[in-house]
Amino acid sequence: EKFVVPTDQLQLYYLPSFPPYSRSYSGNRLGSKTFKPRKHIPDDDRQHEILQDAVATLDSGDLRLAVRLPEGEDLHEWIAFNTVEFFNQINMLYGTLLEFCTEESCPVMSAGPKYEYHWADGQLVKKPVKCSAPHYVNCLMVWIQRQLENEAIFPSKIGAPFPRDFISVVKVILKRLFRVYAHVYHAHFADVRELQEEAHLNTSFKHFIFFVLEFDLVQKRELVPLQQLIDILTANEQSTTSDGRSPVSDRHQPPQENKSSVEFA
Protein backbone atom coordinates (compact mmCIF):
# COMPACT_ATOMS: atom_id res chain seq x y z
CA GLU A 1 0.00 0.00 0.00
CA LYS A 2 1.29 3.44 -0.92
CA PHE A 3 0.84 6.27 1.55
CA VAL A 4 0.62 9.94 0.58
CA VAL A 5 1.42 12.47 3.29
CA PRO A 6 1.01 16.26 2.89
CA THR A 7 4.29 18.18 2.81
CA ASP A 8 3.41 20.18 5.92
CA GLN A 9 3.09 16.94 7.88
CA LEU A 10 6.46 15.72 6.71
CA GLN A 11 8.06 18.94 7.87
CA LEU A 12 6.95 18.19 11.42
CA TYR A 13 9.57 15.49 11.71
CA TYR A 14 12.07 16.39 9.03
CA LEU A 15 15.08 17.63 10.96
CA PRO A 16 17.85 19.86 9.61
CA SER A 17 21.34 18.56 8.91
CA PHE A 18 23.85 18.57 11.73
CA PRO A 19 27.34 20.07 12.17
CA PRO A 20 30.21 18.58 10.15
CA TYR A 21 31.55 15.16 10.96
CA SER A 22 34.53 15.54 13.28
CA ARG A 23 36.97 13.07 11.68
CA SER A 24 38.87 14.27 8.62
CA TYR A 25 38.53 12.10 5.54
CA SER A 26 40.63 12.33 2.41
CA GLY A 27 38.63 13.39 -0.61
CA ASN A 28 35.37 14.15 1.13
CA ARG A 29 32.91 16.86 0.16
CA LEU A 30 31.07 17.29 3.40
CA GLY A 31 30.96 21.04 3.13
CA SER A 32 29.14 22.77 5.98
CA LYS A 33 26.31 20.30 6.50
CA THR A 34 26.17 16.66 7.43
CA PHE A 35 25.05 14.60 10.39
CA LYS A 36 25.96 14.56 14.07
CA PRO A 37 29.55 13.97 15.16
CA ARG A 38 30.48 10.48 16.28
CA LYS A 39 29.45 9.23 19.68
CA HIS A 40 32.62 9.62 21.73
CA ILE A 41 33.96 6.78 23.86
CA PRO A 42 35.06 7.96 27.35
CA ASP A 43 38.65 7.04 28.24
CA ASP A 44 37.52 5.10 31.30
CA ASP A 45 34.86 3.22 29.40
CA ARG A 46 35.24 -0.51 28.79
CA GLN A 47 34.62 0.19 25.11
CA HIS A 48 38.05 1.83 25.01
CA GLU A 49 39.57 -1.64 25.43
CA ILE A 50 37.26 -3.02 22.76
CA LEU A 51 38.41 -0.25 20.41
CA GLN A 52 42.01 -1.39 20.84
CA ASP A 53 41.04 -4.98 20.01
CA ALA A 54 39.11 -3.88 16.94
CA VAL A 55 41.91 -1.66 15.63
CA ALA A 56 44.43 -4.48 16.06
CA THR A 57 42.37 -6.93 14.02
CA LEU A 58 41.36 -4.41 11.36
CA ASP A 59 45.00 -3.44 10.89
CA SER A 60 45.75 -7.09 10.21
CA GLY A 61 43.60 -6.89 7.08
CA ASP A 62 41.52 -9.95 7.99
CA LEU A 63 37.93 -8.71 8.19
CA ARG A 64 36.58 -12.16 9.00
CA LEU A 65 38.82 -12.18 12.07
CA ALA A 66 38.05 -8.56 12.89
CA VAL A 67 34.35 -9.20 13.51
CA ARG A 68 34.77 -12.18 15.82
CA LEU A 69 34.15 -11.73 19.53
CA PRO A 70 37.55 -11.19 21.17
CA GLU A 71 38.39 -13.66 23.90
CA GLY A 72 37.12 -12.45 27.26
CA GLU A 73 34.92 -9.69 25.82
CA ASP A 74 31.21 -9.37 26.57
CA LEU A 75 29.02 -10.11 23.55
CA HIS A 76 26.69 -7.16 24.13
CA GLU A 77 29.62 -4.76 24.61
CA TRP A 78 31.17 -5.97 21.35
CA ILE A 79 27.94 -5.63 19.39
CA ALA A 80 27.27 -2.19 20.88
CA PHE A 81 30.75 -0.97 20.00
CA ASN A 82 30.55 -2.18 16.42
CA THR A 83 27.04 -0.79 15.94
CA VAL A 84 28.32 2.66 16.89
CA GLU A 85 31.27 2.25 14.54
CA PHE A 86 29.11 1.25 11.59
CA PHE A 87 26.81 4.19 12.26
CA ASN A 88 29.82 6.50 12.13
CA GLN A 89 31.22 4.90 8.98
CA ILE A 90 27.97 5.10 7.05
CA ASN A 91 27.34 8.59 8.37
CA MET A 92 30.67 9.68 6.94
CA LEU A 93 30.34 7.81 3.65
CA TYR A 94 26.88 9.15 2.94
CA GLY A 95 28.00 12.63 3.96
CA THR A 96 30.39 12.69 1.02
CA LEU A 97 27.46 12.10 -1.36
CA LEU A 98 25.14 14.88 -0.21
CA GLU A 99 25.58 16.87 -3.40
CA PHE A 100 24.58 13.83 -5.47
CA CYS A 101 21.77 12.39 -3.34
CA THR A 102 19.09 15.07 -3.48
CA GLU A 103 15.32 15.39 -3.49
CA GLU A 104 15.48 15.70 -7.28
CA SER A 105 17.92 12.90 -8.06
CA CYS A 106 16.51 10.42 -5.52
CA PRO A 107 12.81 11.22 -4.95
CA VAL A 108 12.24 7.74 -3.48
CA MET A 109 14.42 5.83 -1.02
CA SER A 110 15.25 2.71 -2.97
CA ALA A 111 17.84 0.09 -3.87
CA GLY A 112 17.34 -0.11 -7.61
CA PRO A 113 13.96 -0.29 -9.36
CA LYS A 114 12.73 -3.36 -7.47
CA TYR A 115 13.34 -2.36 -3.84
CA GLU A 116 11.74 0.62 -2.15
CA TYR A 117 11.87 1.68 1.51
CA HIS A 118 9.27 3.73 3.39
CA TRP A 119 10.04 5.48 6.67
CA ALA A 120 8.48 4.99 10.10
CA ASP A 121 10.02 5.14 13.56
CA GLY A 122 7.05 4.00 15.64
CA GLN A 123 6.95 7.28 17.56
CA LEU A 124 6.94 10.48 15.54
CA VAL A 125 6.04 8.57 12.39
CA LYS A 126 3.87 5.56 13.13
CA LYS A 127 2.41 5.10 9.66
CA PRO A 128 5.09 4.29 7.03
CA VAL A 129 5.52 7.07 4.49
CA LYS A 130 7.13 7.15 1.07
CA CYS A 131 9.87 9.76 0.97
CA SER A 132 13.06 10.78 -0.80
CA ALA A 133 16.38 9.09 -0.10
CA PRO A 134 17.96 12.12 1.64
CA HIS A 135 14.83 12.51 3.76
CA TYR A 136 14.89 8.83 4.73
CA VAL A 137 18.59 8.84 5.57
CA ASN A 138 18.30 12.06 7.56
CA CYS A 139 15.41 10.68 9.61
CA LEU A 140 17.30 7.42 10.06
CA MET A 141 20.47 9.07 11.35
CA VAL A 142 18.47 11.18 13.79
CA TRP A 143 16.63 8.10 15.02
CA ILE A 144 19.81 6.03 15.43
CA GLN A 145 21.59 8.85 17.23
CA ARG A 146 18.75 8.92 19.74
CA GLN A 147 19.07 5.18 20.32
CA LEU A 148 22.83 5.45 20.83
CA GLU A 149 22.43 8.30 23.30
CA ASN A 150 19.77 6.44 25.29
CA GLU A 151 21.57 5.05 28.35
CA ALA A 152 18.77 2.54 28.86
CA ILE A 153 19.64 0.96 25.49
CA PHE A 154 23.36 1.66 25.05
CA PRO A 155 24.76 2.05 28.59
CA SER A 156 28.15 3.78 28.71
CA LYS A 157 28.95 3.02 32.35
CA ILE A 158 31.14 0.04 33.17
CA GLY A 159 29.05 -2.85 34.43
CA ALA A 160 25.71 -1.27 33.53
CA PRO A 161 23.31 -3.95 32.26
CA PHE A 162 22.02 -4.02 28.72
CA PRO A 163 18.23 -4.23 28.26
CA ARG A 164 16.61 -7.54 27.40
CA ASP A 165 15.58 -6.24 24.00
CA PHE A 166 19.05 -4.88 23.17
CA ILE A 167 19.70 -7.32 20.32
CA SER A 168 16.26 -6.60 18.85
CA VAL A 169 17.00 -2.87 18.80
CA VAL A 170 20.41 -3.46 17.23
CA LYS A 171 18.86 -5.63 14.52
CA VAL A 172 16.56 -2.78 13.50
CA ILE A 173 19.45 -0.31 13.46
CA LEU A 174 21.65 -2.54 11.32
CA LYS A 175 18.81 -3.50 8.99
CA ARG A 176 18.22 0.17 8.26
CA LEU A 177 21.92 0.97 7.91
CA PHE A 178 22.15 -1.78 5.30
CA ARG A 179 19.54 0.10 3.30
CA VAL A 180 21.83 3.11 3.09
CA TYR A 181 24.61 0.91 1.72
CA ALA A 182 22.11 -0.58 -0.75
CA HIS A 183 20.98 2.85 -1.93
CA VAL A 184 24.56 4.06 -2.32
CA TYR A 185 25.60 1.04 -4.39
CA HIS A 186 22.54 1.16 -6.64
CA ALA A 187 22.14 4.91 -7.06
CA HIS A 188 25.55 6.47 -6.42
CA PHE A 189 28.29 3.99 -7.28
CA ALA A 190 29.41 6.18 -10.19
CA ASP A 191 29.60 9.12 -7.78
CA VAL A 192 31.62 7.04 -5.34
CA ARG A 193 34.08 6.25 -8.12
CA GLU A 194 34.27 9.89 -9.13
CA LEU A 195 35.25 10.70 -5.54
CA GLN A 196 37.73 7.81 -5.57
CA GLU A 197 36.02 6.26 -2.55
CA GLU A 198 35.32 2.84 -4.06
CA ALA A 199 37.91 1.01 -1.94
CA HIS A 200 36.68 2.69 1.23
CA LEU A 201 33.05 1.83 0.47
CA ASN A 202 33.84 -1.79 -0.40
CA THR A 203 35.94 -2.30 2.72
CA SER A 204 33.32 -0.72 4.96
CA PHE A 205 30.52 -2.77 3.43
CA LYS A 206 32.50 -6.02 3.57
CA HIS A 207 33.27 -5.36 7.26
CA PHE A 208 29.57 -4.68 7.88
CA ILE A 209 28.46 -7.85 6.09
CA PHE A 210 30.94 -10.11 7.87
CA PHE A 211 29.76 -8.65 11.18
CA VAL A 212 26.02 -9.06 10.65
CA LEU A 213 26.51 -12.57 9.27
CA GLU A 214 28.77 -13.57 12.17
CA PHE A 215 26.12 -12.66 14.75
CA ASP A 216 22.99 -13.20 12.61
CA LEU A 217 21.86 -9.59 12.99
CA VAL A 218 20.19 -8.96 9.61
CA GLN A 219 17.75 -11.36 7.99
CA LYS A 220 18.89 -12.79 4.68
CA ARG A 221 15.78 -11.51 2.89
CA GLU A 222 16.88 -7.96 3.78
CA LEU A 223 20.22 -8.55 2.06
CA VAL A 224 18.71 -9.59 -1.29
CA PRO A 225 19.12 -6.17 -3.01
CA LEU A 226 22.91 -6.60 -2.77
CA GLN A 227 23.16 -10.39 -2.59
CA GLN A 228 25.29 -10.80 -5.71
CA LEU A 229 27.69 -8.12 -4.51
CA ILE A 230 27.82 -9.80 -1.09
CA ASP A 231 28.67 -13.09 -2.76
CA ILE A 232 31.48 -11.42 -4.69
CA LEU A 233 32.95 -9.60 -1.69
CA THR A 234 32.81 -12.57 0.66
CA ALA A 235 33.52 -15.53 -1.64
CA ASN A 236 37.26 -15.11 -1.71
CA GLU A 237 39.38 -12.68 0.32
CA GLN A 238 41.97 -12.77 -2.45
CA SER A 239 39.50 -11.56 -5.09
CA THR A 240 40.07 -7.90 -4.27
CA THR A 241 42.88 -5.85 -5.74
CA SER A 242 45.70 -4.47 -3.59
CA ASP A 243 43.95 -1.11 -3.22
CA GLY A 244 40.73 -2.69 -1.94
CA ARG A 245 38.78 -2.47 -5.18
CA SER A 246 36.72 -5.37 -6.34
CA PRO A 247 37.53 -6.20 -9.98
CA VAL A 248 33.86 -6.91 -10.66
CA SER A 249 32.24 -4.50 -8.22
CA ASP A 250 30.82 -2.39 -11.03
CA ARG A 251 28.83 -5.35 -12.34
CA HIS A 252 26.67 -6.00 -9.27
CA GLN A 253 22.98 -6.29 -9.97
CA PRO A 254 20.07 -7.31 -7.72
CA PRO A 255 18.72 -10.81 -8.33
CA GLN A 256 15.94 -10.83 -10.90
CA GLU A 257 12.50 -11.21 -9.38
CA ASN A 258 8.99 -11.13 -10.75
CA LYS A 259 7.77 -8.25 -8.66
CA SER A 260 8.95 -5.20 -6.79
CA SER A 261 9.35 -5.13 -3.05
CA VAL A 262 8.36 -2.31 -0.69
CA GLU A 263 9.75 -2.43 2.85
CA PHE A 264 8.25 -0.40 5.66
CA ALA A 265 10.44 1.06 8.42
Foldseek 3Di string as FASTA:
>chain_A
DADDDDPVLLVVQQDFFDADADDDDPLADLDGGFHDYADDADPPFPVVVVVVLLVVVVVVVDLLVSQDDPPPDDPLSSLLSVLSVLLNLLRRVVSRCVVPQDCVQFFFLAQPPFEGEFEDDCPSRNDTHTGGNVSRVSSLSVSVVVQCPDCQANPRDPPDDHDPCNLVVSLVNLLSSVSSLSSCLRRPPVVCVVSVNQQVSLVSVLSSVSNCVVVVSYDPVSCQQQVVVNCQSPVDVVQADPSRHHPCSNVTGGDDDDHGDYHYD
